[in-house]
Amino acid sequence: MELKILVIGDLLLDRWITGRFYKITNEWSTPKRVIIADREQVTLGGAGNAATKLASLNGCEITFLVAGEVSFTDELVGPEPTRDLRFKHLPDTGYRVPEKVRVIAVDCDERCRYDWDKGWQDIDDKPIIEYIKSANSDAVLISDYGKGVCTTDVCQAAICSSGISVVDPKGVSWDKYRGATIIKANADELQETGIPPESLASRLGSELVITHGHERVELYHKDGSQLELFDVPQIKFVDATGAGDMFSAALTLDYVKRRDIRAAIQYAIQCASTSVSHLGTGLNR
């Protein structure tokens, strides 16, 4: 029987505009480069990026719970096809999907980003909780981008209704993730909590996986046993966009299959390292 993974979190849209350097303009107080755009692409960002990563890795039935009004059928071509990704659309939650727009000149080091983002949003989480309780998923990945979808009640419903729960957290308080199987965060996110990782793992009752970019990955066990370190291979770094989502997706998928957290971390390191070796959020080019 195919395993089922449910992805819950804040959907963002990533709009990519790529082109080449054309000329210098003097229409502002300082000279600026003009980029001639030749391609535009829109992909699922935020929790949607984690969901597409799971679908691209294969091996399970992936459902992404989309809260809010958005059209994701024609425009979202993306680096990975979404045909293997199922969507459960709950439009009546009050969530407005933020958008990040990136402009990139491929022939020179010219990049910028602007965000259409209102930050935290108050949403009606009752339809989300009702669906989570009826989903019968084998595992859940909570990808929290701090935009309002991952309320305390949503997180606890997901953790309690699934045998395996992996969380990519946000914010200074992680109490809403209490009881999760694994919490994966980067070093900056951990520092924001102000709590030592050993204490945090024990307090939340979760295995705590902390990434330190291209340096190392740390594993803190919920029982307070000895810290474990994992090396990260040295590769040519190109673009870190979406690397954290790739790590979370690979960690979730491998752990669901093998129930071995050490093996899952090694697999996640491999996938994330491949992801940062090229431009954009995809695993392969």
Protein backbone atom coordinates (compact mmCIF):
# COMPACT_ATOMS: atom_id res chain seq x y z
CA MET A 1 0.00 0.00 0.00
CA GLU A 2 1.34 3.43 -0.95
CA LEU A 3 2.15 5.65 2.00
CA LYS A 4 0.28 8.95 2.25
CA ILE A 5 1.94 12.21 3.30
CA LEU A 6 -0.04 15.38 3.95
CA VAL A 7 1.70 18.76 3.63
CA ILE A 8 0.28 21.65 5.62
CA GLY A 9 1.53 25.22 5.70
CA ASP A 10 1.59 28.69 4.20
CA LEU A 11 1.49 28.74 0.40
CA LEU A 12 3.50 31.48 -1.28
CA LEU A 13 3.91 32.07 -5.01
CA ASP A 14 7.43 32.47 -6.42
CA ARG A 15 7.62 34.48 -9.64
CA TRP A 16 10.95 34.22 -11.50
CA ILE A 17 11.86 36.77 -14.18
CA THR A 18 15.14 36.02 -15.94
CA GLY A 19 16.97 37.95 -18.63
CA ARG A 20 20.26 39.52 -19.67
CA PHE A 21 22.04 42.80 -19.14
CA TYR A 22 21.05 45.38 -21.78
CA LYS A 23 22.39 48.80 -20.84
CA ILE A 24 22.94 51.34 -18.06
CA THR A 25 20.17 53.85 -17.40
CA ASN A 26 20.66 57.30 -15.86
CA GLU A 27 17.01 57.99 -15.09
CA TRP A 28 17.68 57.80 -11.32
CA SER A 29 20.24 59.61 -9.16
CA THR A 30 22.74 56.81 -9.67
CA PRO A 31 23.24 54.66 -12.80
CA LYS A 32 21.30 51.39 -12.82
CA ARG A 33 21.46 48.27 -14.96
CA VAL A 34 18.59 47.55 -17.32
CA ILE A 35 17.70 43.87 -17.73
CA ILE A 36 15.91 42.61 -20.81
CA ALA A 37 13.52 39.91 -19.57
CA ASP A 38 13.18 36.82 -21.74
CA ARG A 39 11.45 34.34 -19.43
CA GLU A 40 8.87 34.36 -16.64
CA GLN A 41 7.93 31.40 -14.49
CA VAL A 42 5.67 30.99 -11.47
CA THR A 43 6.19 28.18 -8.99
CA LEU A 44 4.71 27.04 -5.71
CA GLY A 45 6.69 28.65 -2.90
CA GLY A 46 6.60 28.41 0.87
CA ALA A 47 4.90 25.20 1.96
CA GLY A 48 4.09 24.60 -1.71
CA ASN A 49 7.80 24.28 -2.42
CA ALA A 50 8.12 21.58 0.25
CA ALA A 51 5.15 19.77 -1.32
CA THR A 52 6.63 19.85 -4.83
CA LYS A 53 9.94 18.60 -3.43
CA LEU A 54 8.17 15.58 -1.93
CA ALA A 55 6.41 14.91 -5.22
CA SER A 56 9.69 15.16 -7.17
CA LEU A 57 11.39 12.63 -4.88
CA ASN A 58 8.62 10.06 -5.49
CA GLY A 59 7.70 7.06 -3.37
CA CYS A 60 4.55 8.28 -1.59
CA GLU A 61 1.16 9.78 -2.29
CA ILE A 62 1.55 13.51 -1.57
CA THR A 63 -1.38 15.82 -0.82
CA PHE A 64 -0.87 19.55 -0.31
CA LEU A 65 -3.59 21.28 1.68
CA VAL A 66 -4.03 24.67 0.00
CA ALA A 67 -5.74 27.24 2.21
CA GLY A 68 -6.85 30.43 0.47
CA GLU A 69 -7.84 31.72 -2.94
CA VAL A 70 -5.32 30.90 -5.66
CA SER A 71 -5.28 29.51 -9.20
CA PHE A 72 -2.56 26.86 -9.39
CA THR A 73 -3.49 24.90 -12.50
CA ASP A 74 -2.26 26.67 -15.64
CA GLU A 75 0.35 29.19 -14.54
CA LEU A 76 2.40 26.98 -12.23
CA VAL A 77 4.72 25.08 -14.53
CA GLY A 78 7.74 25.01 -12.20
CA PRO A 79 11.02 23.09 -12.39
CA GLU A 80 9.26 19.92 -11.22
CA PRO A 81 5.90 18.83 -12.64
CA THR A 82 2.96 19.04 -10.23
CA ARG A 83 1.02 16.21 -11.91
CA ASP A 84 2.08 13.77 -9.16
CA LEU A 85 1.01 16.18 -6.44
CA ARG A 86 -2.56 16.14 -5.22
CA PHE A 87 -4.23 19.30 -3.98
CA LYS A 88 -6.93 19.69 -1.35
CA HIS A 89 -8.21 23.21 -1.86
CA LEU A 90 -9.92 25.05 1.00
CA PRO A 91 -10.57 28.55 -0.41
CA ASP A 92 -12.84 29.83 2.36
CA THR A 93 -10.27 30.49 5.09
CA GLY A 94 -9.55 34.18 4.51
CA TYR A 95 -5.90 33.51 3.60
CA ARG A 96 -4.44 35.70 0.83
CA VAL A 97 -1.48 34.05 -0.86
CA PRO A 98 1.70 36.21 -0.74
CA GLU A 99 3.97 36.48 -3.77
CA LYS A 100 7.74 36.85 -4.09
CA VAL A 101 9.09 38.24 -7.35
CA ARG A 102 12.75 37.64 -8.25
CA VAL A 103 14.51 39.36 -11.16
CA ILE A 104 17.74 37.66 -12.26
CA ALA A 105 20.23 38.54 -14.99
CA VAL A 106 21.89 35.28 -15.99
CA ASP A 107 24.96 36.91 -17.56
CA CYS A 108 25.95 39.15 -14.64
CA ASP A 109 25.60 39.23 -10.87
CA GLU A 110 22.42 41.28 -10.84
CA ARG A 111 19.53 40.05 -8.71
CA CYS A 112 16.68 41.64 -6.80
CA ARG A 113 13.49 40.53 -5.08
CA TYR A 114 10.31 42.28 -4.09
CA ASP A 115 7.49 40.83 -2.01
CA TRP A 116 3.73 41.23 -2.12
CA ASP A 117 3.24 40.17 1.46
CA LYS A 118 1.00 41.41 4.26
CA GLY A 119 2.74 39.26 6.88
CA TRP A 120 0.72 37.39 9.49
CA GLN A 121 -2.93 36.82 8.58
CA ASP A 122 -5.88 35.86 10.77
CA ILE A 123 -7.63 32.92 9.13
CA ASP A 124 -10.53 30.61 9.83
CA ASP A 125 -8.74 27.36 10.66
CA LYS A 126 -11.82 25.21 11.31
CA PRO A 127 -12.05 23.81 7.74
CA ILE A 128 -8.33 22.96 7.87
CA ILE A 129 -8.66 21.10 11.17
CA GLU A 130 -11.72 19.18 9.96
CA TYR A 131 -9.89 18.00 6.86
CA ILE A 132 -6.75 17.01 8.81
CA LYS A 133 -8.78 14.79 11.12
CA SER A 134 -10.40 13.02 8.17
CA ALA A 135 -7.31 12.69 5.96
CA ASN A 136 -5.98 9.38 7.37
CA SER A 137 -2.42 10.23 6.36
CA ASP A 138 0.58 8.14 7.41
CA ALA A 139 2.67 11.26 7.98
CA VAL A 140 2.34 15.02 7.94
CA LEU A 141 4.87 17.70 7.06
CA ILE A 142 4.10 21.05 8.68
CA SER A 143 5.89 23.79 6.73
CA ASP A 144 5.34 26.95 8.76
CA TYR A 145 6.26 30.23 7.08
CA GLY A 146 4.65 32.37 9.76
CA LYS A 147 1.83 33.72 7.58
CA GLY A 148 -1.09 32.40 9.65
CA VAL A 149 -2.07 28.95 8.33
CA CYS A 150 -0.18 27.00 11.01
CA THR A 151 -2.17 27.99 14.08
CA THR A 152 -1.70 26.11 17.35
CA ASP A 153 -4.91 24.15 16.78
CA VAL A 154 -3.90 23.24 13.21
CA CYS A 155 -0.46 22.04 14.31
CA GLN A 156 -1.78 20.00 17.21
CA ALA A 157 -4.52 18.44 15.07
CA ALA A 158 -1.89 17.41 12.51
CA ILE A 159 0.52 16.03 15.11
CA CYS A 160 -2.17 14.09 16.97
CA SER A 161 -3.87 12.63 13.90
CA SER A 162 -0.75 11.26 12.18
CA GLY A 163 1.72 8.57 13.20
CA ILE A 164 4.70 10.64 12.01
CA SER A 165 4.93 14.41 12.04
CA VAL A 166 7.83 16.55 10.80
CA VAL A 167 7.85 20.29 11.43
CA ASP A 168 9.78 23.09 9.74
CA PRO A 169 9.14 25.79 12.38
CA LYS A 170 8.84 29.56 12.48
CA GLY A 171 8.82 32.12 15.27
CA VAL A 172 10.21 32.45 18.77
CA SER A 173 7.84 29.97 20.44
CA TRP A 174 7.65 26.37 19.29
CA ASP A 175 5.15 25.19 21.90
CA LYS A 176 2.49 24.69 19.23
CA TYR A 177 4.68 21.91 17.76
CA ARG A 178 4.80 19.96 21.03
CA GLY A 179 4.76 16.20 20.45
CA ALA A 180 5.99 16.29 16.85
CA THR A 181 8.16 13.35 15.82
CA ILE A 182 10.90 15.56 14.33
CA ILE A 183 11.44 19.31 14.33
CA LYS A 184 13.92 20.50 11.70
CA ALA A 185 15.23 24.07 11.83
CA ASN A 186 18.28 26.07 10.82
CA ALA A 187 20.67 27.61 13.33
CA ASP A 188 19.15 31.10 13.05
CA GLU A 189 15.63 29.81 13.72
CA LEU A 190 16.89 27.92 16.76
CA GLN A 191 18.65 31.01 18.10
CA GLU A 192 15.40 33.01 17.91
CA THR A 193 13.84 30.74 20.55
CA GLY A 194 16.54 31.62 23.10
CA ILE A 195 16.43 28.05 24.45
CA PRO A 196 19.35 25.57 24.38
CA PRO A 197 18.62 22.80 21.84
CA GLU A 198 18.98 20.00 24.39
CA SER A 199 16.34 21.61 26.61
CA LEU A 200 14.08 22.36 23.65
CA ALA A 201 14.12 18.77 22.38
CA SER A 202 13.30 17.43 25.83
CA ARG A 203 10.61 20.03 26.52
CA LEU A 204 8.79 19.46 23.22
CA GLY A 205 9.28 15.67 23.18
CA SER A 206 10.72 15.76 19.67
CA GLU A 207 13.89 14.78 17.85
CA LEU A 208 15.54 18.09 16.94
CA VAL A 209 17.51 18.41 13.69
CA ILE A 210 19.49 21.65 13.26
CA THR A 211 21.13 22.60 9.96
CA HIS A 212 24.17 24.88 9.80
CA GLY A 213 24.26 25.65 6.08
CA HIS A 214 27.15 23.98 4.27
CA GLU A 215 28.99 23.24 7.53
CA ARG A 216 27.15 20.49 9.45
CA VAL A 217 23.85 19.10 10.71
CA GLU A 218 23.17 18.43 14.40
CA LEU A 219 20.78 15.92 15.94
CA TYR A 220 19.49 16.43 19.49
CA HIS A 221 17.49 13.52 20.90
CA LYS A 222 14.38 14.10 22.97
CA ASP A 223 15.72 11.78 25.69
CA GLY A 224 18.74 14.03 26.25
CA SER A 225 21.26 11.51 24.91
CA GLN A 226 24.53 12.57 23.28
CA LEU A 227 24.50 15.07 20.42
CA GLU A 228 25.19 13.57 16.97
CA LEU A 229 26.95 15.47 14.18
CA PHE A 230 26.67 14.92 10.41
CA ASP A 231 29.10 16.31 7.84
CA VAL A 232 27.91 18.20 4.76
CA PRO A 233 29.81 17.63 1.49
CA GLN A 234 31.74 20.58 0.06
CA ILE A 235 30.23 21.41 -3.33
CA LYS A 236 30.08 24.40 -5.65
CA PHE A 237 27.46 26.70 -4.14
CA VAL A 238 25.13 28.50 -6.59
CA ASP A 239 21.75 29.27 -4.99
CA ALA A 240 20.29 28.41 -1.58
CA THR A 241 16.68 29.17 -2.58
CA GLY A 242 14.45 26.35 -1.37
CA ALA A 243 17.28 24.28 0.13
CA GLY A 244 15.58 24.17 3.53
CA ASP A 245 12.36 22.92 1.96
CA MET A 246 14.29 20.27 0.07
CA PHE A 247 15.96 19.12 3.29
CA SER A 248 12.61 18.91 5.11
CA ALA A 249 10.95 17.04 2.26
CA ALA A 250 13.75 14.49 1.91
CA LEU A 251 13.98 14.04 5.68
CA THR A 252 10.23 13.37 5.87
CA LEU A 253 10.12 10.97 2.94
CA ASP A 254 13.09 8.85 4.03
CA TYR A 255 11.98 8.70 7.66
CA VAL A 256 8.47 7.61 6.66
CA LYS A 257 9.94 4.79 4.57
CA ARG A 258 12.71 3.53 6.89
CA ARG A 259 11.97 4.95 10.38
CA ASP A 260 15.71 5.62 10.77
CA ILE A 261 16.42 9.26 11.61
CA ARG A 262 20.16 9.00 10.96
CA ALA A 263 19.63 7.56 7.48
CA ALA A 264 16.95 10.20 6.83
CA ILE A 265 19.36 13.01 7.76
CA GLN A 266 22.02 11.63 5.42
CA TYR A 267 19.51 11.44 2.58
CA ALA A 268 18.29 14.98 3.28
CA ILE A 269 21.87 16.29 3.22
CA GLN A 270 22.42 14.63 -0.15
CA CYS A 271 19.25 16.12 -1.67
CA ALA A 272 19.78 19.63 -0.24
CA SER A 273 23.41 19.67 -1.40
CA THR A 274 22.28 18.87 -4.94
CA SER A 275 19.61 21.58 -4.71
CA VAL A 276 22.07 24.39 -3.90
CA SER A 277 24.40 23.47 -6.75
CA HIS A 278 22.22 25.19 -9.36
CA LEU A 279 19.92 28.21 -9.74
CA GLY A 280 16.37 27.91 -8.43
CA THR A 281 14.53 25.42 -6.27
CA GLY A 282 14.62 22.20 -8.28
CA LEU A 283 16.52 18.99 -7.57
CA ASN A 284 17.56 18.30 -11.16
CA ARG A 285 18.38 20.36 -14.21
